Amino acid sequence: MRQLADCYLYGIVDLGYVEESAAVDMVHAMIRGGVDLIQLRGKNVVIEKLTDIAAELHKVTSDSGVPLVVNDHAQIAREVPVEGVHVGQDDASVNSARTTVGRPIWVGKSTHSVEQARAAQREGADYIGFGPLYATPTKPDYIPIGLSPISQVQDEIRCPIFCIGGIKLENLPDVTAAGAKRVVIVSGLLQAHDVVGYAARCKQLLTTVNQSL
């Protein structure tokens, strides 16, 4: 299984964009394109259905050595041996998520400022999502934080930082030039005409950036 430190490109199977019946095919495409870490997110899907989908996806990801993370619902990880759980600012704490799961697991946390990133690190998050950098339809109520805080958060936070929010292939060079080493791509990847090729181009850029460090 790929280690968190070796993950640069984070893809999210957001069931607001992807039909449930197409989730497995999307995961296969992401993996072929070189996505390192995959999250299942279904904000409007009942937990029983999400659990079933997580189990189906984990069969695919585990065979490929790609970690699978579930969004929000730590209890899913009690039934499905996913590698991680992701929580938001208004969700359960990192420790509460770990207690709910009852086994060693990665817990990531969404942060929207350097101050929140510091707090997540103190809380013991294994990684953080940092953003949104740009306006994004996935999080329409969040004000973009822009690129300027990236260098500060990279300097201060020791755990892996995945920048998120409106990141697409066309602006990825600007994001990495601002100091980002890892990113989450959602709509740009899910809506790509060629998911495999789109992911591969993003991964190549991120790999080049990280090899130069």
Protein backbone atom coordinates (compact mmCIF):
# COMPACT_ATOMS: atom_id res chain seq x y z
CA MET A 1 0.00 0.00 0.00
CA ARG A 2 1.33 3.43 -0.95
CA GLN A 3 2.47 5.52 2.00
CA LEU A 4 0.98 8.94 2.65
CA ALA A 5 4.35 10.66 2.23
CA ASP A 6 4.51 9.28 -1.32
CA CYS A 7 1.09 10.65 -2.33
CA TYR A 8 1.07 13.81 -4.47
CA LEU A 9 -2.15 13.63 -6.50
CA TYR A 10 -5.37 13.17 -4.51
CA GLY A 11 -8.58 12.43 -6.39
CA ILE A 12 -12.10 12.56 -4.98
CA VAL A 13 -14.94 10.41 -6.27
CA ASP A 14 -17.66 12.93 -5.49
CA LEU A 15 -21.07 11.35 -5.99
CA GLY A 16 -22.43 14.81 -6.74
CA TYR A 17 -20.51 14.56 -10.02
CA VAL A 18 -20.26 10.82 -10.57
CA GLU A 19 -23.20 8.44 -10.81
CA GLU A 20 -23.01 5.68 -8.22
CA SER A 21 -23.03 3.11 -11.02
CA ALA A 22 -19.97 4.79 -12.58
CA ALA A 23 -17.87 5.06 -9.41
CA VAL A 24 -15.89 1.87 -9.98
CA ASP A 25 -15.03 2.83 -13.55
CA MET A 26 -13.93 6.27 -12.36
CA VAL A 27 -11.63 4.72 -9.76
CA HIS A 28 -10.09 2.44 -12.38
CA ALA A 29 -9.44 5.47 -14.60
CA MET A 30 -7.94 7.48 -11.75
CA ILE A 31 -5.59 4.65 -10.87
CA ARG A 32 -4.50 4.16 -14.48
CA GLY A 33 -3.77 7.89 -14.66
CA GLY A 34 -1.53 7.77 -11.60
CA VAL A 35 -3.75 9.18 -8.83
CA ASP A 36 -2.02 8.32 -5.55
CA LEU A 37 -4.86 8.65 -3.04
CA ILE A 38 -8.62 8.47 -3.56
CA GLN A 39 -11.49 9.72 -1.42
CA LEU A 40 -15.14 8.72 -1.58
CA ARG A 41 -17.47 11.64 -0.92
CA GLY A 42 -21.26 11.50 -1.02
CA LYS A 43 -22.77 14.39 0.89
CA ASN A 44 -26.35 13.47 0.00
CA VAL A 45 -26.03 9.69 0.04
CA VAL A 46 -27.24 7.67 3.01
CA ILE A 47 -24.50 6.04 5.03
CA GLU A 48 -25.67 2.49 4.32
CA LYS A 49 -25.29 3.09 0.58
CA LEU A 50 -21.95 4.83 1.07
CA THR A 51 -20.71 1.84 3.03
CA ASP A 52 -21.63 -0.50 0.18
CA ILE A 53 -19.92 1.76 -2.37
CA ALA A 54 -16.82 2.07 -0.17
CA ALA A 55 -16.57 -1.71 0.04
CA GLU A 56 -16.84 -2.02 -3.73
CA LEU A 57 -14.25 0.68 -4.38
CA HIS A 58 -11.85 -0.69 -1.78
CA LYS A 59 -11.63 -3.97 -3.64
CA VAL A 60 -10.26 -2.03 -6.60
CA THR A 61 -7.97 0.35 -4.73
CA SER A 62 -6.45 -2.28 -2.44
CA ASP A 63 -5.56 -4.47 -5.43
CA SER A 64 -3.64 -1.51 -6.85
CA GLY A 65 -2.00 -0.41 -3.61
CA VAL A 66 -3.84 2.91 -3.66
CA PRO A 67 -5.20 4.12 -0.30
CA LEU A 68 -8.93 4.85 -0.03
CA VAL A 69 -10.32 7.54 2.28
CA VAL A 70 -13.97 8.05 3.21
CA ASN A 71 -15.31 11.54 3.80
CA ASP A 72 -17.09 12.48 7.05
CA HIS A 73 -18.32 9.06 8.18
CA ALA A 74 -15.74 7.38 10.43
CA GLN A 75 -18.21 4.61 11.17
CA ILE A 76 -17.86 3.34 7.58
CA ALA A 77 -14.25 2.49 8.41
CA ARG A 78 -15.48 0.12 11.12
CA GLU A 79 -17.05 -2.05 8.44
CA VAL A 80 -14.77 -1.46 5.46
CA PRO A 81 -10.95 -1.63 5.87
CA VAL A 82 -10.31 1.71 4.17
CA GLU A 83 -7.02 3.42 4.87
CA GLY A 84 -8.33 6.81 5.94
CA VAL A 85 -11.13 9.08 7.09
CA HIS A 86 -11.40 12.77 6.24
CA VAL A 87 -13.15 15.23 8.54
CA GLY A 88 -14.13 18.87 8.12
CA GLN A 89 -14.07 21.77 10.54
CA ASP A 90 -17.65 21.02 11.60
CA ASP A 91 -17.24 17.24 11.81
CA ALA A 92 -15.91 14.99 14.56
CA SER A 93 -12.44 15.71 15.92
CA VAL A 94 -9.43 13.75 14.72
CA ASN A 95 -9.27 11.79 17.98
CA SER A 96 -13.00 11.11 17.94
CA ALA A 97 -12.74 9.73 14.41
CA ARG A 98 -9.91 7.42 15.45
CA THR A 99 -11.88 6.25 18.48
CA THR A 100 -14.92 5.53 16.33
CA VAL A 101 -12.88 3.48 13.87
CA GLY A 102 -11.13 1.52 16.60
CA ARG A 103 -8.00 0.65 14.61
CA PRO A 104 -4.95 2.48 13.25
CA ILE A 105 -6.08 4.70 10.39
CA TRP A 106 -5.14 7.97 8.72
CA VAL A 107 -7.30 10.92 9.60
CA GLY A 108 -7.13 14.01 7.42
CA LYS A 109 -8.72 17.36 8.17
CA SER A 110 -9.96 20.24 6.02
CA THR A 111 -8.46 23.62 6.88
CA HIS A 112 -9.21 27.05 5.45
CA SER A 113 -6.47 29.18 6.98
CA VAL A 114 -2.96 28.86 8.37
CA GLU A 115 -4.42 29.13 11.86
CA GLN A 116 -6.74 26.17 11.23
CA ALA A 117 -3.82 24.23 9.75
CA ARG A 118 -1.83 24.78 12.94
CA ALA A 119 -4.80 23.61 15.01
CA ALA A 120 -5.21 20.48 12.88
CA GLN A 121 -1.54 19.67 13.35
CA ARG A 122 -1.85 20.07 17.12
CA GLU A 123 -4.91 17.83 16.96
CA GLY A 124 -2.81 15.10 15.38
CA ALA A 125 -4.13 15.06 11.82
CA ASP A 126 -2.11 12.81 9.53
CA TYR A 127 -2.56 15.24 6.66
CA ILE A 128 -4.51 18.41 5.94
CA GLY A 129 -6.51 19.74 3.05
CA PHE A 130 -5.74 23.44 2.59
CA GLY A 131 -8.06 25.73 0.68
CA PRO A 132 -10.08 26.51 -1.25
CA LEU A 133 -7.41 28.25 -3.27
CA TYR A 134 -9.87 29.26 -5.99
CA ALA A 135 -13.63 29.52 -6.17
CA THR A 136 -15.10 26.06 -6.61
CA PRO A 137 -18.63 24.71 -7.22
CA THR A 138 -17.84 21.91 -4.78
CA LYS A 139 -17.67 24.42 -1.90
CA PRO A 140 -19.66 27.45 -3.12
CA ASP A 141 -20.02 28.98 0.37
CA TYR A 142 -16.28 29.17 1.03
CA ILE A 143 -14.30 32.31 0.20
CA PRO A 144 -11.13 31.46 -1.75
CA ILE A 145 -7.94 31.99 0.23
CA GLY A 146 -5.73 32.42 -2.85
CA LEU A 147 -2.16 31.28 -3.42
CA SER A 148 -0.27 33.57 -1.05
CA PRO A 149 -0.74 31.48 2.16
CA ILE A 150 0.73 28.34 0.58
CA SER A 151 4.37 29.15 1.31
CA GLN A 152 3.61 29.97 4.96
CA VAL A 153 1.64 26.79 5.58
CA GLN A 154 4.38 24.74 3.91
CA ASP A 155 6.95 26.34 6.22
CA GLU A 156 4.94 25.80 9.41
CA ILE A 157 3.15 22.47 9.00
CA ARG A 158 5.04 19.18 9.15
CA CYS A 159 2.35 16.75 7.98
CA PRO A 160 1.51 16.39 4.26
CA ILE A 161 -0.48 19.35 2.90
CA PHE A 162 -2.87 18.82 0.00
CA CYS A 163 -3.96 22.10 -1.54
CA ILE A 164 -7.56 22.01 -2.75
CA GLY A 165 -10.27 24.13 -4.31
CA GLY A 166 -10.69 24.97 -7.97
CA ILE A 167 -7.37 23.39 -8.94
CA LYS A 168 -7.26 22.20 -12.54
CA LEU A 169 -4.57 21.18 -14.98
CA GLU A 170 -4.43 24.68 -16.45
CA ASN A 171 -3.74 26.44 -13.13
CA LEU A 172 -1.67 23.67 -11.54
CA PRO A 173 1.64 25.29 -12.62
CA ASP A 174 0.64 28.46 -10.74
CA VAL A 175 -0.26 26.40 -7.66
CA THR A 176 3.05 24.56 -7.61
CA ALA A 177 4.97 27.78 -8.32
CA ALA A 178 3.36 29.20 -5.16
CA GLY A 179 4.87 26.33 -3.17
CA ALA A 180 2.32 23.49 -3.27
CA LYS A 181 3.74 19.97 -3.39
CA ARG A 182 0.49 18.02 -3.23
CA VAL A 183 -2.97 18.79 -4.55
CA VAL A 184 -6.55 17.55 -4.59
CA ILE A 185 -8.35 17.79 -7.92
CA VAL A 186 -12.10 17.21 -8.04
CA SER A 187 -14.26 18.65 -10.85
CA GLY A 188 -11.39 19.12 -13.30
CA LEU A 189 -10.58 15.44 -13.10
CA LEU A 190 -14.11 14.07 -12.83
CA GLN A 191 -15.34 16.10 -15.79
CA ALA A 192 -12.32 15.50 -18.02
CA HIS A 193 -13.01 13.98 -21.42
CA ASP A 194 -10.02 11.68 -20.86
CA VAL A 195 -9.68 11.06 -17.13
CA VAL A 196 -6.62 8.84 -17.52
CA GLY A 197 -4.73 11.34 -19.65
CA TYR A 198 -5.76 14.31 -17.50
CA ALA A 199 -4.58 12.60 -14.31
CA ALA A 200 -1.34 11.51 -15.95
CA ARG A 201 -0.48 15.08 -16.99
CA CYS A 202 -1.21 16.39 -13.48
CA LYS A 203 0.83 13.60 -11.91
CA GLN A 204 3.78 14.23 -14.23
CA LEU A 205 3.88 17.89 -13.23
CA LEU A 206 3.66 17.10 -9.51
CA THR A 207 6.31 14.40 -9.78
CA THR A 208 8.68 16.82 -11.49
CA VAL A 209 8.08 19.41 -8.77
CA ASN A 210 8.73 16.94 -5.95
CA GLN A 211 11.81 15.43 -7.58
CA SER A 212 13.33 18.89 -7.80
CA LEU A 213 13.03 19.52 -4.05
